[in-house]
Amino acid sequence: LTRSMTVIYADDVKGRFTISRDDSRNTVY
């Protein structure tokens, strides 16, 4: 997950895993 919120996944997790960020909690999921 880039600073500009671009997301990139490895092929074997694409469509199954999701990366996200909550700035209010300073946490990445």
mmCIF file of all heavy atoms, coordinates in Angstrom:
data_MODEL
# 
_entry.id   MODEL 
# 
loop_
_atom_site.group_PDB 
_atom_site.id 
_atom_site.type_symbol 
_atom_site.label_atom_id 
_atom_site.label_alt_id 
_atom_site.label_comp_id 
_atom_site.label_asym_id 
_atom_site.label_entity_id 
_atom_site.label_seq_id 
_atom_site.pdbx_PDB_ins_code 
_atom_site.Cartn_x 
_atom_site.Cartn_y 
_atom_site.Cartn_z 
_atom_site.occupancy 
_atom_site.B_iso_or_equiv 
_atom_site.pdbx_formal_charge 
_atom_site.auth_seq_id 
_atom_site.auth_comp_id 
_atom_site.auth_asym_id 
_atom_site.auth_atom_id 
_atom_site.pdbx_PDB_model_num 
ATOM 1   N N   . LEU A 1 1  ? 0.875   -1.171  0.000   1.00 0.00 ? 1  LEU A N   1 
ATOM 2   C CA  . LEU A 1 1  ? 0.000   0.000   0.000   1.00 0.00 ? 1  LEU A CA  1 
ATOM 3   C C   . LEU A 1 1  ? 0.912   1.221   0.000   1.00 0.00 ? 1  LEU A C   1 
ATOM 4   O O   . LEU A 1 1  ? 1.671   1.430   0.946   1.00 0.00 ? 1  LEU A O   1 
ATOM 5   C CB  . LEU A 1 1  ? -0.893  0.009   1.239   1.00 0.00 ? 1  LEU A CB  1 
ATOM 6   C CG  . LEU A 1 1  ? -1.809  1.222   1.406   1.00 0.00 ? 1  LEU A CG  1 
ATOM 7   C CD1 . LEU A 1 1  ? -2.820  1.297   0.275   1.00 0.00 ? 1  LEU A CD1 1 
ATOM 8   C CD2 . LEU A 1 1  ? -2.533  1.173   2.747   1.00 0.00 ? 1  LEU A CD2 1 
ATOM 9   N N   . THR A 1 2  ? 0.850   2.001   -1.087  1.00 0.00 ? 2  THR A N   1 
ATOM 10  C CA  . THR A 1 2  ? 1.722   3.158   -1.180  1.00 0.00 ? 2  THR A CA  1 
ATOM 11  C C   . THR A 1 2  ? 1.134   4.351   -0.430  1.00 0.00 ? 2  THR A C   1 
ATOM 12  O O   . THR A 1 2  ? -0.024  4.334   0.000   1.00 0.00 ? 2  THR A O   1 
ATOM 13  C CB  . THR A 1 2  ? 1.959   3.546   -2.637  1.00 0.00 ? 2  THR A CB  1 
ATOM 14  O OG1 . THR A 1 2  ? 0.729   4.081   -3.176  1.00 0.00 ? 2  THR A OG1 1 
ATOM 15  C CG2 . THR A 1 2  ? 2.407   2.360   -3.476  1.00 0.00 ? 2  THR A CG2 1 
ATOM 16  N N   . ARG A 1 3  ? 1.928   5.414   -0.324  1.00 0.00 ? 3  ARG A N   1 
ATOM 17  C CA  . ARG A 1 3  ? 1.457   6.615   0.363   1.00 0.00 ? 3  ARG A CA  1 
ATOM 18  C C   . ARG A 1 3  ? 0.233   7.207   -0.332  1.00 0.00 ? 3  ARG A C   1 
ATOM 19  O O   . ARG A 1 3  ? -0.631  7.790   0.313   1.00 0.00 ? 3  ARG A O   1 
ATOM 20  C CB  . ARG A 1 3  ? 2.578   7.652   0.429   1.00 0.00 ? 3  ARG A CB  1 
ATOM 21  C CG  . ARG A 1 3  ? 3.688   7.295   1.399   1.00 0.00 ? 3  ARG A CG  1 
ATOM 22  C CD  . ARG A 1 3  ? 4.794   8.320   1.355   1.00 0.00 ? 3  ARG A CD  1 
ATOM 23  N NE  . ARG A 1 3  ? 5.514   8.283   0.095   1.00 0.00 ? 3  ARG A NE  1 
ATOM 24  C CZ  . ARG A 1 3  ? 6.478   9.129   -0.231  1.00 0.00 ? 3  ARG A CZ  1 
ATOM 25  N NH1 . ARG A 1 3  ? 6.828   10.082  0.599   1.00 0.00 ? 3  ARG A NH1 1 
ATOM 26  N NH2 . ARG A 1 3  ? 7.096   9.025   -1.376  1.00 0.00 ? 3  ARG A NH2 1 
ATOM 27  N N   . SER A 1 4  ? 0.184   7.020   -1.652  1.00 0.00 ? 4  SER A N   1 
ATOM 28  C CA  . SER A 1 4  ? -0.943  7.549   -2.412  1.00 0.00 ? 4  SER A CA  1 
ATOM 29  C C   . SER A 1 4  ? -2.099  6.565   -2.488  1.00 0.00 ? 4  SER A C   1 
ATOM 30  O O   . SER A 1 4  ? -3.032  6.764   -3.258  1.00 0.00 ? 4  SER A O   1 
ATOM 31  C CB  . SER A 1 4  ? -0.492  7.915   -3.820  1.00 0.00 ? 4  SER A CB  1 
ATOM 32  O OG  . SER A 1 4  ? 0.017   6.773   -4.484  1.00 0.00 ? 4  SER A OG  1 
ATOM 33  N N   . MET A 1 5  ? -2.019  5.498   -1.697  1.00 0.00 ? 5  MET A N   1 
ATOM 34  C CA  . MET A 1 5  ? -3.097  4.494   -1.580  1.00 0.00 ? 5  MET A CA  1 
ATOM 35  C C   . MET A 1 5  ? -3.189  3.564   -2.782  1.00 0.00 ? 5  MET A C   1 
ATOM 36  O O   . MET A 1 5  ? -4.212  2.912   -2.983  1.00 0.00 ? 5  MET A O   1 
ATOM 37  C CB  . MET A 1 5  ? -4.447  5.153   -1.300  1.00 0.00 ? 5  MET A CB  1 
ATOM 38  C CG  . MET A 1 5  ? -4.456  6.016   -0.059  1.00 0.00 ? 5  MET A CG  1 
ATOM 39  S SD  . MET A 1 5  ? -4.239  5.060   1.450   1.00 0.00 ? 5  MET A SD  1 
ATOM 40  C CE  . MET A 1 5  ? -5.872  4.364   1.648   1.00 0.00 ? 5  MET A CE  1 
ATOM 41  N N   . THR A 1 6  ? -2.132  3.486   -3.580  1.00 0.00 ? 6  THR A N   1 
ATOM 42  C CA  . THR A 1 6  ? -2.089  2.460   -4.613  1.00 0.00 ? 6  THR A CA  1 
ATOM 43  C C   . THR A 1 6  ? -1.826  1.117   -3.952  1.00 0.00 ? 6  THR A C   1 
ATOM 44  O O   . THR A 1 6  ? -0.993  1.022   -3.043  1.00 0.00 ? 6  THR A O   1 
ATOM 45  C CB  . THR A 1 6  ? -0.973  2.768   -5.620  1.00 0.00 ? 6  THR A CB  1 
ATOM 46  O OG1 . THR A 1 6  ? -1.260  4.019   -6.251  1.00 0.00 ? 6  THR A OG1 1 
ATOM 47  C CG2 . THR A 1 6  ? -0.867  1.675   -6.672  1.00 0.00 ? 6  THR A CG2 1 
ATOM 48  N N   . VAL A 1 7  ? -2.551  0.094   -4.399  1.00 0.00 ? 7  VAL A N   1 
ATOM 49  C CA  . VAL A 1 7  ? -2.364  -1.250  -3.835  1.00 0.00 ? 7  VAL A CA  1 
ATOM 50  C C   . VAL A 1 7  ? -1.855  -2.194  -4.908  1.00 0.00 ? 7  VAL A C   1 
ATOM 51  O O   . VAL A 1 7  ? -2.221  -2.096  -6.078  1.00 0.00 ? 7  VAL A O   1 
ATOM 52  C CB  . VAL A 1 7  ? -3.665  -1.786  -3.209  1.00 0.00 ? 7  VAL A CB  1 
ATOM 53  C CG1 . VAL A 1 7  ? -4.091  -0.912  -2.046  1.00 0.00 ? 7  VAL A CG1 1 
ATOM 54  C CG2 . VAL A 1 7  ? -4.771  -1.902  -4.212  1.00 0.00 ? 7  VAL A CG2 1 
ATOM 55  N N   . ILE A 1 8  ? -1.001  -3.106  -4.479  1.00 0.00 ? 8  ILE A N   1 
ATOM 56  C CA  . ILE A 1 8  ? -0.426  -4.115  -5.370  1.00 0.00 ? 8  ILE A CA  1 
ATOM 57  C C   . ILE A 1 8  ? -0.401  -5.417  -4.589  1.00 0.00 ? 8  ILE A C   1 
ATOM 58  O O   . ILE A 1 8  ? -0.096  -5.421  -3.387  1.00 0.00 ? 8  ILE A O   1 
ATOM 59  C CB  . ILE A 1 8  ? 1.017   -3.750  -5.791  1.00 0.00 ? 8  ILE A CB  1 
ATOM 60  C CG1 . ILE A 1 8  ? 1.106   -2.304  -6.277  1.00 0.00 ? 8  ILE A CG1 1 
ATOM 61  C CG2 . ILE A 1 8  ? 1.518   -4.698  -6.880  1.00 0.00 ? 8  ILE A CG2 1 
ATOM 62  C CD1 . ILE A 1 8  ? 2.524   -1.796  -6.411  1.00 0.00 ? 8  ILE A CD1 1 
ATOM 63  N N   . TYR A 1 9  ? -0.723  -6.507  -5.273  1.00 0.00 ? 9  TYR A N   1 
ATOM 64  C CA  . TYR A 1 9  ? -0.766  -7.818  -4.627  1.00 0.00 ? 9  TYR A CA  1 
ATOM 65  C C   . TYR A 1 9  ? 0.053   -8.844  -5.403  1.00 0.00 ? 9  TYR A C   1 
ATOM 66  O O   . TYR A 1 9  ? 0.139   -8.790  -6.634  1.00 0.00 ? 9  TYR A O   1 
ATOM 67  C CB  . TYR A 1 9  ? -2.205  -8.329  -4.531  1.00 0.00 ? 9  TYR A CB  1 
ATOM 68  C CG  . TYR A 1 9  ? -3.117  -7.443  -3.725  1.00 0.00 ? 9  TYR A CG  1 
ATOM 69  C CD1 . TYR A 1 9  ? -3.965  -6.538  -4.338  1.00 0.00 ? 9  TYR A CD1 1 
ATOM 70  C CD2 . TYR A 1 9  ? -3.127  -7.520  -2.337  1.00 0.00 ? 9  TYR A CD2 1 
ATOM 71  C CE1 . TYR A 1 9  ? -4.808  -5.722  -3.603  1.00 0.00 ? 9  TYR A CE1 1 
ATOM 72  C CE2 . TYR A 1 9  ? -3.969  -6.709  -1.587  1.00 0.00 ? 9  TYR A CE2 1 
ATOM 73  C CZ  . TYR A 1 9  ? -4.801  -5.811  -2.225  1.00 0.00 ? 9  TYR A CZ  1 
ATOM 74  O OH  . TYR A 1 9  ? -5.630  -5.003  -1.483  1.00 0.00 ? 9  TYR A OH  1 
ATOM 75  N N   . ALA A 1 10 ? 0.587   -9.786  -4.669  1.00 0.00 ? 10 ALA A N   1 
ATOM 76  C CA  . ALA A 1 10 ? 1.181   -10.948 -5.312  1.00 0.00 ? 10 ALA A CA  1 
ATOM 77  C C   . ALA A 1 10 ? 0.075   -11.778 -5.949  1.00 0.00 ? 10 ALA A C   1 
ATOM 78  O O   . ALA A 1 10 ? -1.068  -11.792 -5.472  1.00 0.00 ? 10 ALA A O   1 
ATOM 79  C CB  . ALA A 1 10 ? 1.945   -11.784 -4.282  1.00 0.00 ? 10 ALA A CB  1 
ATOM 80  N N   . ASP A 1 11 ? 0.420   -12.485 -7.007  1.00 0.00 ? 11 ASP A N   1 
ATOM 81  C CA  . ASP A 1 11 ? -0.591  -13.218 -7.763  1.00 0.00 ? 11 ASP A CA  1 
ATOM 82  C C   . ASP A 1 11 ? -1.348  -14.235 -6.917  1.00 0.00 ? 11 ASP A C   1 
ATOM 83  O O   . ASP A 1 11 ? -2.560  -14.414 -7.094  1.00 0.00 ? 11 ASP A O   1 
ATOM 84  C CB  . ASP A 1 11 ? 0.062   -13.925 -8.949  1.00 0.00 ? 11 ASP A CB  1 
ATOM 85  C CG  . ASP A 1 11 ? 0.450   -12.961 -10.054 1.00 0.00 ? 11 ASP A CG  1 
ATOM 86  O OD1 . ASP A 1 11 ? -0.047  -11.810 -10.053 1.00 0.00 ? 11 ASP A OD1 1 
ATOM 87  O OD2 . ASP A 1 11 ? 1.250   -13.353 -10.927 1.00 0.00 ? 11 ASP A OD2 1 
ATOM 88  N N   . ASP A 1 12 ? -0.670  -14.899 -5.996  1.00 0.00 ? 12 ASP A N   1 
ATOM 89  C CA  . ASP A 1 12 ? -1.354  -15.980 -5.278  1.00 0.00 ? 12 ASP A CA  1 
ATOM 90  C C   . ASP A 1 12 ? -2.252  -15.496 -4.144  1.00 0.00 ? 12 ASP A C   1 
ATOM 91  O O   . ASP A 1 12 ? -2.916  -16.313 -3.505  1.00 0.00 ? 12 ASP A O   1 
ATOM 92  C CB  . ASP A 1 12 ? -0.359  -17.039 -4.791  1.00 0.00 ? 12 ASP A CB  1 
ATOM 93  C CG  . ASP A 1 12 ? 0.712   -16.479 -3.898  1.00 0.00 ? 12 ASP A CG  1 
ATOM 94  O OD1 . ASP A 1 12 ? 0.776   -15.248 -3.751  1.00 0.00 ? 12 ASP A OD1 1 
ATOM 95  O OD2 . ASP A 1 12 ? 1.489   -17.269 -3.343  1.00 0.00 ? 12 ASP A OD2 1 
ATOM 96  N N   . VAL A 1 13 ? -2.299  -14.187 -3.901  1.00 0.00 ? 13 VAL A N   1 
ATOM 97  C CA  . VAL A 1 13 ? -3.248  -13.674 -2.907  1.00 0.00 ? 13 VAL A CA  1 
ATOM 98  C C   . VAL A 1 13 ? -4.235  -12.700 -3.529  1.00 0.00 ? 13 VAL A C   1 
ATOM 99  O O   . VAL A 1 13 ? -5.198  -12.285 -2.865  1.00 0.00 ? 13 VAL A O   1 
ATOM 100 C CB  . VAL A 1 13 ? -2.525  -13.007 -1.719  1.00 0.00 ? 13 VAL A CB  1 
ATOM 101 C CG1 . VAL A 1 13 ? -1.502  -13.956 -1.099  1.00 0.00 ? 13 VAL A CG1 1 
ATOM 102 C CG2 . VAL A 1 13 ? -1.876  -11.678 -2.117  1.00 0.00 ? 13 VAL A CG2 1 
ATOM 103 N N   . LYS A 1 14 ? -4.020  -12.328 -4.779  1.00 0.00 ? 14 LYS A N   1 
ATOM 104 C CA  . LYS A 1 14 ? -4.885  -11.365 -5.449  1.00 0.00 ? 14 LYS A CA  1 
ATOM 105 C C   . LYS A 1 14 ? -6.321  -11.892 -5.492  1.00 0.00 ? 14 LYS A C   1 
ATOM 106 O O   . LYS A 1 14 ? -6.557  -13.048 -5.832  1.00 0.00 ? 14 LYS A O   1 
ATOM 107 C CB  . LYS A 1 14 ? -4.368  -11.117 -6.861  1.00 0.00 ? 14 LYS A CB  1 
ATOM 108 C CG  . LYS A 1 14 ? -4.909  -9.883  -7.541  1.00 0.00 ? 14 LYS A CG  1 
ATOM 109 C CD  . LYS A 1 14 ? -4.248  -9.700  -8.906  1.00 0.00 ? 14 LYS A CD  1 
ATOM 110 C CE  . LYS A 1 14 ? -2.754  -9.513  -8.812  1.00 0.00 ? 14 LYS A CE  1 
ATOM 111 N NZ  . LYS A 1 14 ? -2.126  -9.292  -10.138 1.00 0.00 ? 14 LYS A NZ  1 
ATOM 112 N N   . GLY A 1 15 ? -7.249  -11.036 -5.107  1.00 0.00 ? 15 GLY A N   1 
ATOM 113 C CA  . GLY A 1 15 ? -8.655  -11.438 -5.070  1.00 0.00 ? 15 GLY A CA  1 
ATOM 114 C C   . GLY A 1 15 ? -9.077  -12.063 -3.759  1.00 0.00 ? 15 GLY A C   1 
ATOM 115 O O   . GLY A 1 15 ? -10.274 -12.233 -3.510  1.00 0.00 ? 15 GLY A O   1 
ATOM 116 N N   . ARG A 1 16 ? -8.118  -12.410 -2.916  1.00 0.00 ? 16 ARG A N   1 
ATOM 117 C CA  . ARG A 1 16 ? -8.439  -13.020 -1.620  1.00 0.00 ? 16 ARG A CA  1 
ATOM 118 C C   . ARG A 1 16 ? -8.025  -12.127 -0.451  1.00 0.00 ? 16 ARG A C   1 
ATOM 119 O O   . ARG A 1 16 ? -8.689  -12.125 0.586   1.00 0.00 ? 16 ARG A O   1 
ATOM 120 C CB  . ARG A 1 16 ? -7.743  -14.371 -1.478  1.00 0.00 ? 16 ARG A CB  1 
ATOM 121 C CG  . ARG A 1 16 ? -8.154  -15.396 -2.519  1.00 0.00 ? 16 ARG A CG  1 
ATOM 122 C CD  . ARG A 1 16 ? -7.594  -16.783 -2.189  1.00 0.00 ? 16 ARG A CD  1 
ATOM 123 N NE  . ARG A 1 16 ? -6.138  -16.808 -2.137  1.00 0.00 ? 16 ARG A NE  1 
ATOM 124 C CZ  . ARG A 1 16 ? -5.432  -17.204 -1.082  1.00 0.00 ? 16 ARG A CZ  1 
ATOM 125 N NH1 . ARG A 1 16 ? -6.045  -17.603 0.014   1.00 0.00 ? 16 ARG A NH1 1 
ATOM 126 N NH2 . ARG A 1 16 ? -4.111  -17.210 -1.118  1.00 0.00 ? 16 ARG A NH2 1 
ATOM 127 N N   . PHE A 1 17 ? -6.932  -11.405 -0.602  1.00 0.00 ? 17 PHE A N   1 
ATOM 128 C CA  . PHE A 1 17 ? -6.417  -10.552 0.468   1.00 0.00 ? 17 PHE A CA  1 
ATOM 129 C C   . PHE A 1 17 ? -6.634  -9.086  0.091   1.00 0.00 ? 17 PHE A C   1 
ATOM 130 O O   . PHE A 1 17 ? -6.557  -8.716  -1.082  1.00 0.00 ? 17 PHE A O   1 
ATOM 131 C CB  . PHE A 1 17 ? -4.924  -10.784 0.687   1.00 0.00 ? 17 PHE A CB  1 
ATOM 132 C CG  . PHE A 1 17 ? -4.557  -12.138 1.238   1.00 0.00 ? 17 PHE A CG  1 
ATOM 133 C CD1 . PHE A 1 17 ? -5.503  -13.127 1.465   1.00 0.00 ? 17 PHE A CD1 1 
ATOM 134 C CD2 . PHE A 1 17 ? -3.234  -12.418 1.546   1.00 0.00 ? 17 PHE A CD2 1 
ATOM 135 C CE1 . PHE A 1 17 ? -5.154  -14.366 1.969   1.00 0.00 ? 17 PHE A CE1 1 
ATOM 136 C CE2 . PHE A 1 17 ? -2.866  -13.649 2.059   1.00 0.00 ? 17 PHE A CE2 1 
ATOM 137 C CZ  . PHE A 1 17 ? -3.825  -14.630 2.273   1.00 0.00 ? 17 PHE A CZ  1 
ATOM 138 N N   . THR A 1 18 ? -6.852  -8.254  1.110   1.00 0.00 ? 18 THR A N   1 
ATOM 139 C CA  . THR A 1 18 ? -7.036  -6.828  0.891   1.00 0.00 ? 18 THR A CA  1 
ATOM 140 C C   . THR A 1 18 ? -6.239  -6.041  1.922   1.00 0.00 ? 18 THR A C   1 
ATOM 141 O O   . THR A 1 18 ? -6.398  -6.262  3.128   1.00 0.00 ? 18 THR A O   1 
ATOM 142 C CB  . THR A 1 18 ? -8.520  -6.441  1.002   1.00 0.00 ? 18 THR A CB  1 
ATOM 143 O OG1 . THR A 1 18 ? -9.295  -7.212  0.079   1.00 0.00 ? 18 THR A OG1 1 
ATOM 144 C CG2 . THR A 1 18 ? -8.711  -4.958  0.694   1.00 0.00 ? 18 THR A CG2 1 
ATOM 145 N N   . ILE A 1 19 ? -5.410  -5.133  1.433   1.00 0.00 ? 19 ILE A N   1 
ATOM 146 C CA  . ILE A 1 19 ? -4.634  -4.268  2.311   1.00 0.00 ? 19 ILE A CA  1 
ATOM 147 C C   . ILE A 1 19 ? -5.332  -2.917  2.392   1.00 0.00 ? 19 ILE A C   1 
ATOM 148 O O   . ILE A 1 19 ? -5.868  -2.416  1.399   1.00 0.00 ? 19 ILE A O   1 
ATOM 149 C CB  . ILE A 1 19 ? -3.174  -4.122  1.811   1.00 0.00 ? 19 ILE A CB  1 
ATOM 150 C CG1 . ILE A 1 19 ? -2.307  -3.385  2.826   1.00 0.00 ? 19 ILE A CG1 1 
ATOM 151 C CG2 . ILE A 1 19 ? -3.107  -3.476  0.435   1.00 0.00 ? 19 ILE A CG2 1 
ATOM 152 C CD1 . ILE A 1 19 ? -0.815  -3.406  2.486   1.00 0.00 ? 19 ILE A CD1 1 
ATOM 153 N N   . SER A 1 20 ? -5.353  -2.336  3.591   1.00 0.00 ? 20 SER A N   1 
ATOM 154 C CA  . SER A 1 20 ? -5.998  -1.051  3.777   1.00 0.00 ? 20 SER A CA  1 
ATOM 155 C C   . SER A 1 20 ? -5.329  -0.297  4.923   1.00 0.00 ? 20 SER A C   1 
ATOM 156 O O   . SER A 1 20 ? -4.539  -0.879  5.688   1.00 0.00 ? 20 SER A O   1 
ATOM 157 C CB  . SER A 1 20 ? -7.496  -1.219  4.060   1.00 0.00 ? 20 SER A CB  1 
ATOM 158 O OG  . SER A 1 20 ? -7.698  -1.952  5.260   1.00 0.00 ? 20 SER A OG  1 
ATOM 159 N N   . ARG A 1 21 ? -5.684  0.972   5.043   1.00 0.00 ? 21 ARG A N   1 
ATOM 160 C CA  . ARG A 1 21 ? -5.054  1.811   6.062   1.00 0.00 ? 21 ARG A CA  1 
ATOM 161 C C   . ARG A 1 21 ? -6.112  2.670   6.741   1.00 0.00 ? 21 ARG A C   1 
ATOM 162 O O   . ARG A 1 21 ? -7.000  3.218   6.082   1.00 0.00 ? 21 ARG A O   1 
ATOM 163 C CB  . ARG A 1 21 ? -3.995  2.707   5.403   1.00 0.00 ? 21 ARG A CB  1 
ATOM 164 C CG  . ARG A 1 21 ? -3.060  3.423   6.339   1.00 0.00 ? 21 ARG A CG  1 
ATOM 165 C CD  . ARG A 1 21 ? -2.070  4.252   5.544   1.00 0.00 ? 21 ARG A CD  1 
ATOM 166 N NE  . ARG A 1 21 ? -2.680  5.475   5.048   1.00 0.00 ? 21 ARG A NE  1 
ATOM 167 C CZ  . ARG A 1 21 ? -2.279  6.116   3.952   1.00 0.00 ? 21 ARG A CZ  1 
ATOM 168 N NH1 . ARG A 1 21 ? -1.283  5.632   3.232   1.00 0.00 ? 21 ARG A NH1 1 
ATOM 169 N NH2 . ARG A 1 21 ? -2.874  7.229   3.582   1.00 0.00 ? 21 ARG A NH2 1 
ATOM 170 N N   . ASP A 1 22 ? -6.025  2.778   8.054   1.00 0.00 ? 22 ASP A N   1 
ATOM 171 C CA  . ASP A 1 22 ? -6.891  3.667   8.826   1.00 0.00 ? 22 ASP A CA  1 
ATOM 172 C C   . ASP A 1 22 ? -6.005  4.731   9.451   1.00 0.00 ? 22 ASP A C   1 
ATOM 173 O O   . ASP A 1 22 ? -5.296  4.469   10.438  1.00 0.00 ? 22 ASP A O   1 
ATOM 174 C CB  . ASP A 1 22 ? -7.639  2.865   9.898   1.00 0.00 ? 22 ASP A CB  1 
ATOM 175 C CG  . ASP A 1 22 ? -8.635  3.708   10.676  1.00 0.00 ? 22 ASP A CG  1 
ATOM 176 O OD1 . ASP A 1 22 ? -8.494  4.958   10.695  1.00 0.00 ? 22 ASP A OD1 1 
ATOM 177 O OD2 . ASP A 1 22 ? -9.538  3.127   11.285  1.00 0.00 ? 22 ASP A OD2 1 
ATOM 178 N N   . ASP A 1 23 ? -6.033  5.925   8.880   1.00 0.00 ? 23 ASP A N   1 
ATOM 179 C CA  . ASP A 1 23 ? -5.142  6.982   9.370   1.00 0.00 ? 23 ASP A CA  1 
ATOM 180 C C   . ASP A 1 23 ? -5.525  7.450   10.771  1.00 0.00 ? 23 ASP A C   1 
ATOM 181 O O   . ASP A 1 23 ? -4.658  7.899   11.530  1.00 0.00 ? 23 ASP A O   1 
ATOM 182 C CB  . ASP A 1 23 ? -5.137  8.148   8.390   1.00 0.00 ? 23 ASP A CB  1 
ATOM 183 C CG  . ASP A 1 23 ? -4.450  7.799   7.080   1.00 0.00 ? 23 ASP A CG  1 
ATOM 184 O OD1 . ASP A 1 23 ? -3.691  6.813   7.055   1.00 0.00 ? 23 ASP A OD1 1 
ATOM 185 O OD2 . ASP A 1 23 ? -4.685  8.502   6.077   1.00 0.00 ? 23 ASP A OD2 1 
ATOM 186 N N   . SER A 1 24 ? -6.801  7.353   11.122  1.00 0.00 ? 24 SER A N   1 
ATOM 187 C CA  . SER A 1 24 ? -7.210  7.789   12.462  1.00 0.00 ? 24 SER A CA  1 
ATOM 188 C C   . SER A 1 24 ? -6.640  6.882   13.552  1.00 0.00 ? 24 SER A C   1 
ATOM 189 O O   . SER A 1 24 ? -6.436  7.319   14.690  1.00 0.00 ? 24 SER A O   1 
ATOM 190 C CB  . SER A 1 24 ? -8.729  7.825   12.558  1.00 0.00 ? 24 SER A CB  1 
ATOM 191 O OG  . SER A 1 24 ? -9.276  6.519   12.502  1.00 0.00 ? 24 SER A OG  1 
ATOM 192 N N   . ARG A 1 25 ? -6.354  5.649   13.183  1.00 0.00 ? 25 ARG A N   1 
ATOM 193 C CA  . ARG A 1 25 ? -5.770  4.687   14.132  1.00 0.00 ? 25 ARG A CA  1 
ATOM 194 C C   . ARG A 1 25 ? -4.291  4.449   13.867  1.00 0.00 ? 25 ARG A C   1 
ATOM 195 O O   . ARG A 1 25 ? -3.661  3.687   14.610  1.00 0.00 ? 25 ARG A O   1 
ATOM 196 C CB  . ARG A 1 25 ? -6.520  3.363   14.065  1.00 0.00 ? 25 ARG A CB  1 
ATOM 197 C CG  . ARG A 1 25 ? -7.986  3.470   14.459  1.00 0.00 ? 25 ARG A CG  1 
ATOM 198 C CD  . ARG A 1 25 ? -8.686  2.122   14.337  1.00 0.00 ? 25 ARG A CD  1 
ATOM 199 N NE  . ARG A 1 25 ? -10.110 2.217   14.598  1.00 0.00 ? 25 ARG A NE  1 
ATOM 200 C CZ  . ARG A 1 25 ? -10.657 2.118   15.796  1.00 0.00 ? 25 ARG A CZ  1 
ATOM 201 N NH1 . ARG A 1 25 ? -9.891  1.894   16.863  1.00 0.00 ? 25 ARG A NH1 1 
ATOM 202 N NH2 . ARG A 1 25 ? -11.955 2.227   15.953  1.00 0.00 ? 25 ARG A NH2 1 
ATOM 203 N N   . ASN A 1 26 ? -3.773  5.040   12.781  1.00 0.00 ? 26 ASN A N   1 
ATOM 204 C CA  . ASN A 1 26 ? -2.385  4.804   12.375  1.00 0.00 ? 26 ASN A CA  1 
ATOM 205 C C   . ASN A 1 26 ? -2.104  3.305   12.309  1.00 0.00 ? 26 ASN A C   1 
ATOM 206 O O   . ASN A 1 26 ? -1.112  2.780   12.852  1.00 0.00 ? 26 ASN A O   1 
ATOM 207 C CB  . ASN A 1 26 ? -1.395  5.491   13.305  1.00 0.00 ? 26 ASN A CB  1 
ATOM 208 C CG  . ASN A 1 26 ? -0.052  5.736   12.644  1.00 0.00 ? 26 ASN A CG  1 
ATOM 209 O OD1 . ASN A 1 26 ? 0.040   5.911   11.428  1.00 0.00 ? 26 ASN A OD1 1 
ATOM 210 N ND2 . ASN A 1 26 ? 1.005   5.745   13.443  1.00 0.00 ? 26 ASN A ND2 1 
ATOM 211 N N   . THR A 1 27 ? -2.992  2.615   11.612  1.00 0.00 ? 27 THR A N   1 
ATOM 212 C CA  . THR A 1 27 ? -2.941  1.152   11.533  1.00 0.00 ? 27 THR A CA  1 
ATOM 213 C C   . THR A 1 27 ? -3.174  0.718   10.089  1.00 0.00 ? 27 THR A C   1 
ATOM 214 O O   . THR A 1 27 ? -3.998  1.307   9.386   1.00 0.00 ? 27 THR A O   1 
ATOM 215 C CB  . THR A 1 27 ? -4.011  0.525   12.448  1.00 0.00 ? 27 THR A CB  1 
ATOM 216 O OG1 . THR A 1 27 ? -3.738  0.899   13.805  1.00 0.00 ? 27 THR A OG1 1 
ATOM 217 C CG2 . THR A 1 27 ? -4.008  -0.996  12.340  1.00 0.00 ? 27 THR A CG2 1 
ATOM 218 N N   . VAL A 1 28 ? -2.445  -0.285  9.687   1.00 0.00 ? 28 VAL A N   1 
ATOM 219 C CA  . VAL A 1 28 ? -2.639  -0.912  8.377   1.00 0.00 ? 28 VAL A CA  1 
ATOM 220 C C   . VAL A 1 28 ? -3.189  -2.314  8.619   1.00 0.00 ? 28 VAL A C   1 
ATOM 221 O O   . VAL A 1 28 ? -2.748  -3.013  9.539   1.00 0.00 ? 28 VAL A O   1 
ATOM 222 C CB  . VAL A 1 28 ? -1.330  -0.960  7.577   1.00 0.00 ? 28 VAL A CB  1 
ATOM 223 C CG1 . VAL A 1 28 ? -1.489  -1.800  6.318   1.00 0.00 ? 28 VAL A CG1 1 
ATOM 224 C CG2 . VAL A 1 28 ? -0.899  0.457   7.211   1.00 0.00 ? 28 VAL A CG2 1 
ATOM 225 N N   . TYR A 1 29 ? -4.132  -2.693  7.781   1.00 0.00 ? 29 TYR A N   1 
ATOM 226 C CA  . TYR A 1 29 ? -4.793  -3.990  7.914   1.00 0.00 ? 29 TYR A CA  1 
ATOM 227 C C   . TYR A 1 29 ? -4.498  -4.875  6.715   1.00 0.00 ? 29 TYR A C   1 
ATOM 228 O O   . TYR A 1 29 ? -4.229  -4.380  5.616   1.00 0.00 ? 29 TYR A O   1 
ATOM 229 C CB  . TYR A 1 29 ? -6.305  -3.803  8.031   1.00 0.00 ? 29 TYR A CB  1 
ATOM 230 C CG  . TYR A 1 29 ? -6.719  -2.953  9.197   1.00 0.00 ? 29 TYR A CG  1 
ATOM 231 C CD1 . TYR A 1 29 ? -7.019  -1.605  9.030   1.00 0.00 ? 29 TYR A CD1 1 
ATOM 232 C CD2 . TYR A 1 29 ? -6.806  -3.492  10.477  1.00 0.00 ? 29 TYR A CD2 1 
ATOM 233 C CE1 . TYR A 1 29 ? -7.400  -0.815  10.103  1.00 0.00 ? 29 TYR A CE1 1 
ATOM 234 C CE2 . TYR A 1 29 ? -7.192  -2.703  11.558  1.00 0.00 ? 29 TYR A CE2 1 
ATOM 235 C CZ  . TYR A 1 29 ? -7.486  -1.369  11.367  1.00 0.00 ? 29 TYR A CZ  1 
ATOM 236 O OH  . TYR A 1 29 ? -7.852  -0.589  12.424  1.00 0.00 ? 29 TYR A OH  1 
# 
